Amino acid sequence: MILVNTDYITGKELEMLELVKGSTIQSKNIGRDITQSFKTIVGGELKSYTEMMNDARALATKRMVAEAEALGADGIVNVRYASSAVMQGAAEVMAYGTAVKFK
């Protein structure tokens, strides 16, 4: 499965199938939240949150790819990611794009 953030794949003629997406909602761990709040005092990267968001993006991507594979797609173009808070302490990460088949 080829994933690109452009509306084409070089050297391929594409048949557009449909929008595919994958998402997950992740919540903060109370223990992680407490330790990371200390980090805000001195500054720097909040590595636990970075790891959590990387895992969330990977899971959302995996779900998007599974949806495209179910359609018989060869790739996904215009891949985008979005995130938003759904409640205090929880965020949704969504991956979406257009499933395509090679002609």
PDB file of N, CA and C in Angstrom:
ATOM      1  N   MET A   1       0.861  -1.176   0.000  1.00  0.00           N
ATOM      2  CA  MET A   1       0.000   0.000   0.000  1.00  0.00           C
ATOM      3  C   MET A   1       0.904   1.235   0.000  1.00  0.00           C
ATOM      4  N   ILE A   2       0.680   2.097  -0.990  1.00  0.00           N
ATOM      5  CA  ILE A   2       1.437   3.340  -1.094  1.00  0.00           C
ATOM      6  C   ILE A   2       0.613   4.460  -0.472  1.00  0.00           C
ATOM      7  N   LEU A   3       1.228   5.219   0.421  1.00  0.00           N
ATOM      8  CA  LEU A   3       0.570   6.360   1.059  1.00  0.00           C
ATOM      9  C   LEU A   3       1.344   7.618   0.685  1.00  0.00           C
ATOM     10  N   VAL A   4       0.649   8.611   0.147  1.00  0.00           N
ATOM     11  CA  VAL A   4       1.293   9.879  -0.190  1.00  0.00           C
ATOM     12  C   VAL A   4       0.402  11.038   0.222  1.00  0.00           C
ATOM     13  N   ASN A   5       1.018  12.200   0.421  1.00  0.00           N
ATOM     14  CA  ASN A   5       0.217  13.376   0.772  1.00  0.00           C
ATOM     15  C   ASN A   5       0.017  14.285  -0.441  1.00  0.00           C
ATOM     16  N   THR A   6       0.253  13.754  -1.636  1.00  0.00           N
ATOM     17  CA  THR A   6      -0.018  14.466  -2.882  1.00  0.00           C
ATOM     18  C   THR A   6      -1.269  13.869  -3.511  1.00  0.00           C
ATOM     19  N   ASP A   7      -1.767  14.512  -4.567  1.00  0.00           N
ATOM     20  CA  ASP A   7      -2.974  13.986  -5.218  1.00  0.00           C
ATOM     21  C   ASP A   7      -2.635  13.094  -6.409  1.00  0.00           C
ATOM     22  N   TYR A   8      -1.388  12.635  -6.488  1.00  0.00           N
ATOM     23  CA  TYR A   8      -0.953  11.745  -7.567  1.00  0.00           C
ATOM     24  C   TYR A   8       0.158  10.836  -7.048  1.00  0.00           C
ATOM     25  N   ILE A   9       0.424   9.784  -7.796  1.00  0.00           N
ATOM     26  CA  ILE A   9       1.574   8.915  -7.539  1.00  0.00           C
ATOM     27  C   ILE A   9       2.338   8.873  -8.855  1.00  0.00           C
ATOM     28  N   THR A  10       3.555   9.349  -8.836  1.00  0.00           N
ATOM     29  CA  THR A  10       4.347   9.462 -10.051  1.00  0.00           C
ATOM     30  C   THR A  10       4.382   8.148 -10.821  1.00  0.00           C
ATOM     31  N   GLY A  11       4.073   8.262 -12.126  1.00  0.00           N
ATOM     32  CA  GLY A  11       4.132   7.104 -13.001  1.00  0.00           C
ATOM     33  C   GLY A  11       2.917   6.196 -12.945  1.00  0.00           C
ATOM     34  N   LYS A  12       1.913   6.554 -12.181  1.00  0.00           N
ATOM     35  CA  LYS A  12       0.712   5.715 -12.048  1.00  0.00           C
ATOM     36  C   LYS A  12      -0.516   6.484 -12.506  1.00  0.00           C
ATOM     37  N   GLU A  13      -1.387   5.810 -13.244  1.00  0.00           N
ATOM     38  CA  GLU A  13      -2.695   6.367 -13.567  1.00  0.00           C
ATOM     39  C   GLU A  13      -3.652   5.837 -12.512  1.00  0.00           C
ATOM     40  N   LEU A  14      -4.411   6.742 -11.902  1.00  0.00           N
ATOM     41  CA  LEU A  14      -5.218   6.376 -10.738  1.00  0.00           C
ATOM     42  C   LEU A  14      -6.706   6.406 -11.016  1.00  0.00           C
ATOM     43  N   GLU A  15      -7.394   5.458 -10.431  1.00  0.00           N
ATOM     44  CA  GLU A  15      -8.852   5.464 -10.369  1.00  0.00           C
ATOM     45  C   GLU A  15      -9.209   5.757  -8.919  1.00  0.00           C
ATOM     46  N   MET A  16      -9.896   6.853  -8.697  1.00  0.00           N
ATOM     47  CA  MET A  16     -10.287   7.224  -7.339  1.00  0.00           C
ATOM     48  C   MET A  16     -11.410   6.308  -6.866  1.00  0.00           C
ATOM     49  N   LEU A  17     -11.283   5.805  -5.654  1.00  0.00           N
ATOM     50  CA  LEU A  17     -12.324   4.943  -5.094  1.00  0.00           C
ATOM     51  C   LEU A  17     -13.225   5.745  -4.158  1.00  0.00           C
ATOM     52  N   GLU A  18     -12.736   6.026  -2.971  1.00  0.00           N
ATOM     53  CA  GLU A  18     -13.522   6.817  -2.024  1.00  0.00           C
ATOM     54  C   GLU A  18     -12.665   7.235  -0.848  1.00  0.00           C
ATOM     55  N   LEU A  19     -13.229   8.100  -0.038  1.00  0.00           N
ATOM     56  CA  LEU A  19     -12.561   8.568   1.166  1.00  0.00           C
ATOM     57  C   LEU A  19     -12.417   7.407   2.142  1.00  0.00           C
ATOM     58  N   VAL A  20     -11.231   7.272   2.720  1.00  0.00           N
ATOM     59  CA  VAL A  20     -11.010   6.282   3.772  1.00  0.00           C
ATOM     60  C   VAL A  20     -10.452   7.011   4.988  1.00  0.00           C
ATOM     61  N   LYS A  21     -10.740   6.477   6.153  1.00  0.00           N
ATOM     62  CA  LYS A  21     -10.261   7.122   7.367  1.00  0.00           C
ATOM     63  C   LYS A  21     -10.019   6.102   8.454  1.00  0.00           C
ATOM     64  N   GLY A  22      -9.252   6.508   9.418  1.00  0.00           N
ATOM     65  CA  GLY A  22      -9.011   5.705  10.608  1.00  0.00           C
ATOM     66  C   GLY A  22      -8.853   6.666  11.765  1.00  0.00           C
ATOM     67  N   SER A  23      -9.302   6.277  12.924  1.00  0.00           N
ATOM     68  CA  SER A  23      -9.164   7.175  14.071  1.00  0.00           C
ATOM     69  C   SER A  23      -9.007   6.387  15.356  1.00  0.00           C
ATOM     70  N   THR A  24      -8.554   7.083  16.358  1.00  0.00           N
ATOM     71  CA  THR A  24      -8.451   6.527  17.703  1.00  0.00           C
ATOM     72  C   THR A  24      -8.566   7.678  18.690  1.00  0.00           C
ATOM     73  N   ILE A  25      -9.033   7.375  19.871  1.00  0.00           N
ATOM     74  CA  ILE A  25      -9.079   8.366  20.948  1.00  0.00           C
ATOM     75  C   ILE A  25      -8.173   7.853  22.056  1.00  0.00           C
ATOM     76  N   GLN A  26      -7.240   8.681  22.432  1.00  0.00           N
ATOM     77  CA  GLN A  26      -6.268   8.326  23.473  1.00  0.00           C
ATOM     78  C   GLN A  26      -6.504   9.221  24.689  1.00  0.00           C
ATOM     79  N   SER A  27      -6.366   8.632  25.851  1.00  0.00           N
ATOM     80  CA  SER A  27      -6.479   9.429  27.076  1.00  0.00           C
ATOM     81  C   SER A  27      -5.150   9.418  27.798  1.00  0.00           C
ATOM     82  N   LYS A  28      -4.969  10.464  28.575  1.00  0.00           N
ATOM     83  CA  LYS A  28      -3.740  10.577  29.347  1.00  0.00           C
ATOM     84  C   LYS A  28      -3.800   9.640  30.547  1.00  0.00           C
ATOM     85  N   ASN A  29      -2.664   9.081  30.883  1.00  0.00           N
ATOM     86  CA  ASN A  29      -2.508   8.242  32.062  1.00  0.00           C
ATOM     87  C   ASN A  29      -2.273   9.169  33.244  1.00  0.00           C
ATOM     88  N   ILE A  30      -2.992   8.984  34.338  1.00  0.00           N
ATOM     89  CA  ILE A  30      -2.883   9.902  35.483  1.00  0.00           C
ATOM     90  C   ILE A  30      -1.459   9.968  36.024  1.00  0.00           C
ATOM     91  N   GLY A  31      -0.781   8.830  36.072  1.00  0.00           N
ATOM     92  CA  GLY A  31       0.612   8.823  36.530  1.00  0.00           C
ATOM     93  C   GLY A  31       1.507   9.582  35.571  1.00  0.00           C
ATOM     94  N   ARG A  32       1.299   9.361  34.280  1.00  0.00           N
ATOM     95  CA  ARG A  32       2.071  10.062  33.251  1.00  0.00           C
ATOM     96  C   ARG A  32       1.777  11.554  33.316  1.00  0.00           C
ATOM     97  N   ASP A  33       0.515  11.907  33.547  1.00  0.00           N
ATOM     98  CA  ASP A  33       0.112  13.304  33.598  1.00  0.00           C
ATOM     99  C   ASP A  33       0.820  14.033  34.734  1.00  0.00           C
ATOM    100  N   ILE A  34       0.909  13.388  35.884  1.00  0.00           N
ATOM    101  CA  ILE A  34       1.569  14.012  37.038  1.00  0.00           C
ATOM    102  C   ILE A  34       3.053  14.224  36.762  1.00  0.00           C
ATOM    103  N   THR A  35       3.727  13.186  36.250  1.00  0.00           N
ATOM    104  CA  THR A  35       5.165  13.324  35.996  1.00  0.00           C
ATOM    105  C   THR A  35       5.442  14.328  34.885  1.00  0.00           C
ATOM    106  N   GLN A  36       4.580  14.386  33.881  1.00  0.00           N
ATOM    107  CA  GLN A  36       4.792  15.340  32.790  1.00  0.00           C
ATOM    108  C   GLN A  36       4.507  16.773  33.235  1.00  0.00           C
ATOM    109  N   SER A  37       3.619  16.943  34.223  1.00  0.00           N
ATOM    110  CA  SER A  37       3.347  18.294  34.706  1.00  0.00           C
ATOM    111  C   SER A  37       4.580  18.888  35.373  1.00  0.00           C
ATOM    112  N   PHE A  38       5.416  18.057  35.998  1.00  0.00           N
ATOM    113  CA  PHE A  38       6.673  18.549  36.568  1.00  0.00           C
ATOM    114  C   PHE A  38       7.602  19.044  35.463  1.00  0.00           C
ATOM    115  N   LYS A  39       7.556  18.393  34.314  1.00  0.00           N
ATOM    116  CA  LYS A  39       8.405  18.761  33.185  1.00  0.00           C
ATOM    117  C   LYS A  39       8.067  20.158  32.689  1.00  0.00           C
ATOM    118  N   THR A  40       6.808  20.580  32.822  1.00  0.00           N
ATOM    119  CA  THR A  40       6.426  21.908  32.348  1.00  0.00           C
ATOM    120  C   THR A  40       7.087  23.014  33.165  1.00  0.00           C
ATOM    121  N   ILE A  41       7.531  22.691  34.361  1.00  0.00           N
ATOM    122  CA  ILE A  41       8.201  23.679  35.210  1.00  0.00           C
ATOM    123  C   ILE A  41       9.570  24.033  34.630  1.00  0.00           C
ATOM    124  N   VAL A  42      10.300  23.013  34.174  1.00  0.00           N
ATOM    125  CA  VAL A  42      11.662  23.244  33.670  1.00  0.00           C
ATOM    126  C   VAL A  42      11.721  23.367  32.155  1.00  0.00           C
ATOM    127  N   GLY A  43      10.645  22.973  31.475  1.00  0.00           N
ATOM    128  CA  GLY A  43      10.608  23.060  30.018  1.00  0.00           C
ATOM    129  C   GLY A  43      11.181  21.820  29.351  1.00  0.00           C
ATOM    130  N   GLY A  44      10.992  21.735  28.065  1.00  0.00           N
ATOM    131  CA  GLY A  44      11.507  20.608  27.299  1.00  0.00           C
ATOM    132  C   GLY A  44      10.388  19.745  26.746  1.00  0.00           C
ATOM    133  N   GLU A  45      10.789  18.746  26.004  1.00  0.00           N
ATOM    134  CA  GLU A  45       9.834  17.854  25.360  1.00  0.00           C
ATOM    135  C   GLU A  45       9.121  16.969  26.377  1.00  0.00           C
ATOM    136  N   LEU A  46       7.837  16.799  26.171  1.00  0.00           N
ATOM    137  CA  LEU A  46       7.044  15.892  26.996  1.00  0.00           C
ATOM    138  C   LEU A  46       7.039  14.546  26.288  1.00  0.00           C
ATOM    139  N   LYS A  47       8.074  13.759  26.515  1.00  0.00           N
ATOM    140  CA  LYS A  47       8.317  12.537  25.746  1.00  0.00           C
ATOM    141  C   LYS A  47       7.193  11.513  25.868  1.00  0.00           C
ATOM    142  N   SER A  48       6.582  11.400  27.016  1.00  0.00           N
ATOM    143  CA  SER A  48       5.483  10.443  27.175  1.00  0.00           C
ATOM    144  C   SER A  48       4.310  10.814  26.281  1.00  0.00           C
ATOM    145  N   TYR A  49       4.030  12.121  26.169  1.00  0.00           N
ATOM    146  CA  TYR A  49       2.936  12.560  25.304  1.00  0.00           C
ATOM    147  C   TYR A  49       3.310  12.417  23.833  1.00  0.00           C
ATOM    148  N   THR A  50       4.558  12.690  23.508  1.00  0.00           N
ATOM    149  CA  THR A  50       5.015  12.501  22.134  1.00  0.00           C
ATOM    150  C   THR A  50       4.849  11.046  21.734  1.00  0.00           C
ATOM    151  N   GLU A  51       5.238  10.139  22.603  1.00  0.00           N
ATOM    152  CA  GLU A  51       5.096   8.708  22.342  1.00  0.00           C
ATOM    153  C   GLU A  51       3.622   8.319  22.202  1.00  0.00           C
ATOM    154  N   MET A  52       2.779   8.856  23.071  1.00  0.00           N
ATOM    155  CA  MET A  52       1.349   8.553  23.009  1.00  0.00           C
ATOM    156  C   MET A  52       0.757   9.013  21.676  1.00  0.00           C
ATOM    157  N   MET A  53       1.114  10.214  21.228  1.00  0.00           N
ATOM    158  CA  MET A  53       0.572  10.732  19.974  1.00  0.00           C
ATOM    159  C   MET A  53       1.146   9.985  18.771  1.00  0.00           C
ATOM    160  N   ASN A  54       2.411   9.583  18.822  1.00  0.00           N
ATOM    161  CA  ASN A  54       2.984   8.765  17.744  1.00  0.00           C
ATOM    162  C   ASN A  54       2.252   7.434  17.634  1.00  0.00           C
ATOM    163  N   ASP A  55       1.983   6.814  18.777  1.00  0.00           N
ATOM    164  CA  ASP A  55       1.231   5.550  18.786  1.00  0.00           C
ATOM    165  C   ASP A  55      -0.178   5.753  18.234  1.00  0.00           C
ATOM    166  N   ALA A  56      -0.808   6.866  18.595  1.00  0.00           N
ATOM    167  CA  ALA A  56      -2.160   7.155  18.121  1.00  0.00           C
ATOM    168  C   ALA A  56      -2.165   7.365  16.607  1.00  0.00           C
ATOM    169  N   ARG A  57      -1.176   8.088  16.070  1.00  0.00           N
ATOM    170  CA  ARG A  57      -1.100   8.289  14.620  1.00  0.00           C
ATOM    171  C   ARG A  57      -0.879   6.969  13.897  1.00  0.00           C
ATOM    172  N   ALA A  58      -0.018   6.119  14.462  1.00  0.00           N
ATOM    173  CA  ALA A  58       0.252   4.811  13.848  1.00  0.00           C
ATOM    174  C   ALA A  58      -1.011   3.953  13.815  1.00  0.00           C
ATOM    175  N   LEU A  59      -1.778   3.957  14.889  1.00  0.00           N
ATOM    176  CA  LEU A  59      -3.013   3.168  14.949  1.00  0.00           C
ATOM    177  C   LEU A  59      -4.059   3.724  13.984  1.00  0.00           C
ATOM    178  N   ALA A  60      -4.192   5.048  13.922  1.00  0.00           N
ATOM    179  CA  ALA A  60      -5.143   5.657  12.995  1.00  0.00           C
ATOM    180  C   ALA A  60      -4.759   5.331  11.554  1.00  0.00           C
ATOM    181  N   THR A  61      -3.470   5.370  11.243  1.00  0.00           N
ATOM    182  CA  THR A  61      -2.990   5.036   9.897  1.00  0.00           C
ATOM    183  C   THR A  61      -3.293   3.578   9.568  1.00  0.00           C
ATOM    184  N   LYS A  62      -3.037   2.695  10.518  1.00  0.00           N
ATOM    185  CA  LYS A  62      -3.305   1.269  10.316  1.00  0.00           C
ATOM    186  C   LYS A  62      -4.784   1.033  10.016  1.00  0.00           C
ATOM    187  N   ARG A  63      -5.665   1.715  10.717  1.00  0.00           N
ATOM    188  CA  ARG A  63      -7.103   1.560  10.500  1.00  0.00           C
ATOM    189  C   ARG A  63      -7.524   2.132   9.147  1.00  0.00           C
ATOM    190  N   MET A  64      -6.902   3.244   8.738  1.00  0.00           N
ATOM    191  CA  MET A  64      -7.200   3.819   7.430  1.00  0.00           C
ATOM    192  C   MET A  64      -6.770   2.860   6.324  1.00  0.00           C
ATOM    193  N   VAL A  65      -5.577   2.295   6.450  1.00  0.00           N
ATOM    194  CA  VAL A  65      -5.066   1.348   5.458  1.00  0.00           C
ATOM    195  C   VAL A  65      -5.973   0.117   5.381  1.00  0.00           C
ATOM    196  N   ALA A  66      -6.429  -0.388   6.513  1.00  0.00           N
ATOM    197  CA  ALA A  66      -7.322  -1.553   6.525  1.00  0.00           C
ATOM    198  C   ALA A  66      -8.618  -1.256   5.768  1.00  0.00           C
ATOM    199  N   GLU A  67      -9.147  -0.047   5.940  1.00  0.00           N
ATOM    200  CA  GLU A  67     -10.365   0.342   5.225  1.00  0.00           C
ATOM    201  C   GLU A  67     -10.099   0.392   3.717  1.00  0.00           C
ATOM    202  N   ALA A  68      -8.942   0.905   3.322  1.00  0.00           N
ATOM    203  CA  ALA A  68      -8.587   0.973   1.899  1.00  0.00           C
ATOM    204  C   ALA A  68      -8.374  -0.423   1.323  1.00  0.00           C
ATOM    205  N   GLU A  69      -7.720  -1.297   2.072  1.00  0.00           N
ATOM    206  CA  GLU A  69      -7.492  -2.672   1.611  1.00  0.00           C
ATOM    207  C   GLU A  69      -8.817  -3.403   1.397  1.00  0.00           C
ATOM    208  N   ALA A  70      -9.789  -3.132   2.250  1.00  0.00           N
ATOM    209  CA  ALA A  70     -11.107  -3.761   2.110  1.00  0.00           C
ATOM    210  C   ALA A  70     -11.791  -3.342   0.801  1.00  0.00           C
ATOM    211  N   LEU A  71     -11.406  -2.177   0.274  1.00  0.00           N
ATOM    212  CA  LEU A  71     -11.949  -1.702  -0.999  1.00  0.00           C
ATOM    213  C   LEU A  71     -11.142  -2.219  -2.200  1.00  0.00           C
ATOM    214  N   GLY A  72     -10.029  -2.899  -1.923  1.00  0.00           N
ATOM    215  CA  GLY A  72      -9.162  -3.366  -2.997  1.00  0.00           C
ATOM    216  C   GLY A  72      -8.218  -2.296  -3.507  1.00  0.00           C
ATOM    217  N   ALA A  73      -7.969  -1.270  -2.707  1.00  0.00           N
ATOM    218  CA  ALA A  73      -7.118  -0.152  -3.115  1.00  0.00           C
ATOM    219  C   ALA A  73      -5.652  -0.563  -3.193  1.00  0.00           C
ATOM    220  N   ASP A  74      -4.925   0.135  -4.075  1.00  0.00           N
ATOM    221  CA  ASP A  74      -3.478  -0.043  -4.199  1.00  0.00           C
ATOM    222  C   ASP A  74      -2.719   1.044  -3.446  1.00  0.00           C
ATOM    223  N   GLY A  75      -3.396   2.131  -3.136  1.00  0.00           N
ATOM    224  CA  GLY A  75      -2.739   3.238  -2.458  1.00  0.00           C
ATOM    225  C   GLY A  75      -3.752   4.211  -1.892  1.00  0.00           C
ATOM    226  N   ILE A  76      -3.222   5.206  -1.176  1.00  0.00           N
ATOM    227  CA  ILE A  76      -4.051   6.280  -0.627  1.00  0.00           C
ATOM    228  C   ILE A  76      -3.329   7.584  -0.932  1.00  0.00           C
ATOM    229  N   VAL A  77      -4.047   8.509  -1.576  1.00  0.00           N
ATOM    230  CA  VAL A  77      -3.477   9.820  -1.883  1.00  0.00           C
ATOM    231  C   VAL A  77      -4.107  10.876  -0.987  1.00  0.00           C
ATOM    232  N   ASN A  78      -3.448  12.037  -0.944  1.00  0.00           N
ATOM    233  CA  ASN A  78      -3.917  13.155  -0.118  1.00  0.00           C
ATOM    234  C   ASN A  78      -4.077  12.766   1.349  1.00  0.00           C
ATOM    235  N   VAL A  79      -3.138  11.998   1.873  1.00  0.00           N
ATOM    236  CA  VAL A  79      -3.207  11.571   3.273  1.00  0.00           C
ATOM    237  C   VAL A  79      -3.018  12.789   4.180  1.00  0.00           C
ATOM    238  N   ARG A  80      -3.892  12.905   5.129  1.00  0.00           N
ATOM    239  CA  ARG A  80      -3.852  14.003   6.095  1.00  0.00           C
ATOM    240  C   ARG A  80      -4.101  13.453   7.495  1.00  0.00           C
ATOM    241  N   TYR A  81      -3.642  14.205   8.481  1.00  0.00           N
ATOM    242  CA  TYR A  81      -3.868  13.865   9.885  1.00  0.00           C
ATOM    243  C   TYR A  81      -4.510  15.053  10.579  1.00  0.00           C
ATOM    244  N   ALA A  82      -5.381  14.765  11.512  1.00  0.00           N
ATOM    245  CA  ALA A  82      -6.019  15.809  12.314  1.00  0.00           C
ATOM    246  C   ALA A  82      -6.133  15.298  13.746  1.00  0.00           C
ATOM    247  N   SER A  83      -6.103  16.213  14.674  1.00  0.00           N
ATOM    248  CA  SER A  83      -6.326  15.825  16.065  1.00  0.00           C
ATOM    249  C   SER A  83      -7.183  16.889  16.733  1.00  0.00           C
ATOM    250  N   SER A  84      -7.917  16.455  17.725  1.00  0.00           N
ATOM    251  CA  SER A  84      -8.756  17.387  18.471  1.00  0.00           C
ATOM    252  C   SER A  84      -9.048  16.813  19.844  1.00  0.00           C
ATOM    253  N   ALA A  85      -9.267  17.700  20.781  1.00  0.00           N
ATOM    254  CA  ALA A  85      -9.646  17.285  22.127  1.00  0.00           C
ATOM    255  C   ALA A  85     -11.123  16.894  22.099  1.00  0.00           C
ATOM    256  N   VAL A  86     -11.448  15.746  22.661  1.00  0.00           N
ATOM    257  CA  VAL A  86     -12.846  15.320  22.717  1.00  0.00           C
ATOM    258  C   VAL A  86     -13.418  15.490  24.119  1.00  0.00           C
ATOM    259  N   MET A  87     -12.559  15.569  25.084  1.00  0.00           N
ATOM    260  CA  MET A  87     -12.933  15.868  26.464  1.00  0.00           C
ATOM    261  C   MET A  87     -11.635  16.170  27.199  1.00  0.00           C
ATOM    262  N   GLN A  88     -11.712  16.656  28.394  1.00  0.00           N
ATOM    263  CA  GLN A  88     -10.497  16.971  29.126  1.00  0.00           C
ATOM    264  C   GLN A  88      -9.696  15.690  29.345  1.00  0.00           C
ATOM    265  N   GLY A  89      -8.442  15.712  28.900  1.00  0.00           N
ATOM    266  CA  GLY A  89      -7.570  14.561  29.096  1.00  0.00           C
ATOM    267  C   GLY A  89      -7.642  13.508  28.006  1.00  0.00           C
ATOM    268  N   ALA A  90      -8.406  13.757  26.920  1.00  0.00           N
ATOM    269  CA  ALA A  90      -8.501  12.784  25.840  1.00  0.00           C
ATOM    270  C   ALA A  90      -8.488  13.509  24.492  1.00  0.00           C
ATOM    271  N   ALA A  91      -7.780  12.923  23.528  1.00  0.00           N
ATOM    272  CA  ALA A  91      -7.689  13.516  22.197  1.00  0.00           C
ATOM    273  C   ALA A  91      -7.944  12.463  21.138  1.00  0.00           C
ATOM    274  N   GLU A  92      -8.589  12.890  20.052  1.00  0.00           N
ATOM    275  CA  GLU A  92      -8.807  12.017  18.907  1.00  0.00           C
ATOM    276  C   GLU A  92      -7.745  12.334  17.866  1.00  0.00           C
ATOM    277  N   VAL A  93      -7.207  11.296  17.265  1.00  0.00           N
ATOM    278  CA  VAL A  93      -6.314  11.446  16.122  1.00  0.00           C
ATOM    279  C   VAL A  93      -6.986  10.751  14.957  1.00  0.00           C
ATOM    280  N   MET A  94      -7.079  11.448  13.819  1.00  0.00           N
ATOM    281  CA  MET A  94      -7.711  10.886  12.635  1.00  0.00           C
ATOM    282  C   MET A  94      -6.738  10.965  11.467  1.00  0.00           C
ATOM    283  N   ALA A  95      -6.678   9.889  10.708  1.00  0.00           N
ATOM    284  CA  ALA A  95      -5.939   9.852   9.443  1.00  0.00           C
ATOM    285  C   ALA A  95      -6.975   9.649   8.344  1.00  0.00           C
ATOM    286  N   TYR A  96      -6.840  10.398   7.247  1.00  0.00           N
ATOM    287  CA  TYR A  96      -7.803  10.236   6.155  1.00  0.00           C
ATOM    288  C   TYR A  96      -7.148  10.557   4.826  1.00  0.00           C
ATOM    289  N   GLY A  97      -7.735  10.025   3.771  1.00  0.00           N
ATOM    290  CA  GLY A  97      -7.237  10.249   2.427  1.00  0.00           C
ATOM    291  C   GLY A  97      -8.168   9.604   1.429  1.00  0.00           C
ATOM    292  N   THR A  98      -7.763   9.607   0.166  1.00  0.00           N
ATOM    293  CA  THR A  98      -8.573   9.030  -0.902  1.00  0.00           C
ATOM    294  C   THR A  98      -7.941   7.713  -1.352  1.00  0.00           C
ATOM    295  N   ALA A  99      -8.699   6.630  -1.239  1.00  0.00           N
ATOM    296  CA  ALA A  99      -8.236   5.324  -1.694  1.00  0.00           C
ATOM    297  C   ALA A  99      -8.231   5.324  -3.217  1.00  0.00           C
ATOM    298  N   VAL A 100      -7.168   4.752  -3.802  1.00  0.00           N
ATOM    299  CA  VAL A 100      -7.051   4.692  -5.255  1.00  0.00           C
ATOM    300  C   VAL A 100      -6.647   3.294  -5.704  1.00  0.00           C
ATOM    301  N   LYS A 101      -7.007   3.010  -6.950  1.00  0.00           N
ATOM    302  CA  LYS A 101      -6.618   1.755  -7.583  1.00  0.00           C
ATOM    303  C   LYS A 101      -5.801   2.133  -8.815  1.00  0.00           C
ATOM    304  N   PHE A 102      -4.738   1.377  -9.104  1.00  0.00           N
ATOM    305  CA  PHE A 102      -3.923   1.653 -10.268  1.00  0.00           C
ATOM    306  C   PHE A 102      -4.633   1.120 -11.508  1.00  0.00           C
ATOM    307  N   LYS A 103      -4.631   1.910 -12.597  1.00  0.00           N
ATOM    308  CA  LYS A 103      -5.247   1.476 -13.858  1.00  0.00           C
ATOM    309  C   LYS A 103      -4.248   0.654 -14.647  1.00  0.00           C
TER     310      LYS A 103
END
